[in-house]
Amino acid sequence: MTVFAKDPASTVDYSVDWSDWLASDELITNTLWDIVPIEPLGLVTGVEQAGSAVRSVTVSGGVAGNVYRLACTISTDAGRTVARGMTIRCLER
């Protein structure tokens, strides 16, 4: 799993490229972004962007010293569902 550092004052875009996982004619039909843990002043998702196989979300906030898991779950027109996650460590810079 990938670990990213993020300043609590920054707003950052995170992306997942699904092109290596999707079949050649398969389309993403639904995307869900999830953050754990949910806490006061914790990470918050914002604007989502969708390309053909890339899904992105803007993330802001977070408590310095805390670690979060950001997961992207997709469903496809072939009936498949999969999730990929990343770890975000909030550090003041």
Protein backbone atom coordinates (compact mmCIF):
# COMPACT_ATOMS: atom_id res chain seq x y z
CA MET A 1 0.00 0.00 0.00
CA THR A 2 1.26 3.45 -0.88
CA VAL A 3 1.83 6.02 1.90
CA PHE A 4 1.50 9.75 1.19
CA ALA A 5 2.36 12.69 3.45
CA LYS A 6 -0.14 15.54 3.56
CA ASP A 7 -0.11 18.84 5.44
CA PRO A 8 -3.43 19.42 7.24
CA ALA A 9 -3.66 22.89 5.65
CA SER A 10 -3.26 21.58 2.09
CA THR A 11 -5.83 20.38 -0.42
CA VAL A 12 -4.51 17.53 -2.56
CA ASP A 13 -5.83 15.43 -5.46
CA TYR A 14 -5.41 11.66 -5.19
CA SER A 15 -6.00 9.34 -8.17
CA VAL A 16 -6.40 5.67 -8.93
CA ASP A 17 -5.76 4.43 -12.47
CA TRP A 18 -7.82 1.30 -13.13
CA SER A 19 -6.70 0.78 -16.74
CA ASP A 20 -4.46 -2.20 -15.90
CA TRP A 21 -7.36 -3.94 -14.12
CA LEU A 22 -10.30 -3.27 -16.47
CA ALA A 23 -11.03 -5.52 -19.44
CA SER A 24 -10.69 -3.78 -22.81
CA ASP A 25 -14.45 -3.20 -23.20
CA GLU A 26 -15.31 -2.81 -19.50
CA LEU A 27 -16.62 0.51 -18.11
CA ILE A 28 -16.69 1.89 -14.58
CA THR A 29 -20.30 2.50 -13.56
CA ASN A 30 -19.90 3.62 -9.95
CA THR A 31 -17.15 5.07 -7.75
CA LEU A 32 -17.12 5.42 -3.96
CA TRP A 33 -14.40 7.16 -1.94
CA ASP A 34 -14.09 6.28 1.73
CA ILE A 35 -11.90 7.64 4.54
CA VAL A 36 -11.15 5.82 7.80
CA PRO A 37 -11.20 6.97 10.52
CA ILE A 38 -13.91 9.60 10.34
CA GLU A 39 -13.18 12.15 13.06
CA PRO A 40 -13.65 15.84 13.85
CA LEU A 41 -11.19 17.90 11.75
CA GLY A 42 -10.15 14.70 9.95
CA LEU A 43 -9.68 14.21 6.23
CA VAL A 44 -12.60 15.22 4.03
CA THR A 45 -13.23 14.30 0.40
CA GLY A 46 -14.29 17.02 -2.01
CA VAL A 47 -14.56 17.25 -5.77
CA GLU A 48 -14.44 13.95 -7.67
CA GLN A 49 -13.11 13.67 -11.23
CA ALA A 50 -13.71 10.79 -13.61
CA GLY A 51 -11.78 9.92 -16.77
CA SER A 52 -12.36 6.71 -18.67
CA ALA A 53 -10.26 4.57 -16.32
CA VAL A 54 -8.89 7.10 -13.80
CA ARG A 55 -10.81 8.24 -10.75
CA SER A 56 -9.61 11.20 -8.65
CA VAL A 57 -10.79 13.01 -5.55
CA THR A 58 -9.73 16.19 -3.77
CA VAL A 59 -8.87 15.67 -0.10
CA SER A 60 -8.49 18.39 2.54
CA GLY A 61 -8.05 18.67 6.30
CA GLY A 62 -6.64 16.09 8.65
CA VAL A 63 -5.11 16.18 12.10
CA ALA A 64 -1.30 16.47 12.29
CA GLY A 65 0.18 13.18 13.49
CA ASN A 66 -2.82 11.08 12.47
CA VAL A 67 -2.88 8.39 9.80
CA TYR A 68 -5.85 7.81 7.49
CA ARG A 69 -6.84 5.22 4.90
CA LEU A 70 -8.35 6.54 1.67
CA ALA A 71 -10.05 3.86 -0.41
CA CYS A 72 -11.53 4.01 -3.90
CA THR A 73 -14.11 1.33 -4.70
CA ILE A 74 -15.44 0.90 -8.22
CA SER A 75 -18.17 -1.18 -9.81
CA THR A 76 -18.21 -2.04 -13.50
CA ASP A 77 -20.72 -2.88 -16.20
CA ALA A 78 -19.38 -6.46 -16.04
CA GLY A 79 -20.65 -6.79 -12.48
CA ARG A 80 -17.22 -6.63 -10.86
CA THR A 81 -16.38 -4.59 -7.74
CA VAL A 82 -12.89 -3.85 -6.44
CA ALA A 83 -11.19 -1.43 -4.05
CA ARG A 84 -7.72 0.07 -3.87
CA GLY A 85 -6.44 2.02 -0.92
CA MET A 86 -3.68 4.32 0.15
CA THR A 87 -2.44 5.59 3.48
CA ILE A 88 -2.24 9.32 4.17
CA ARG A 89 -0.10 10.50 7.07
CA CYS A 90 -0.83 14.08 8.12
CA LEU A 91 2.32 16.04 8.91
CA GLU A 92 2.69 19.76 9.42
CA ARG A 93 5.48 21.14 7.25
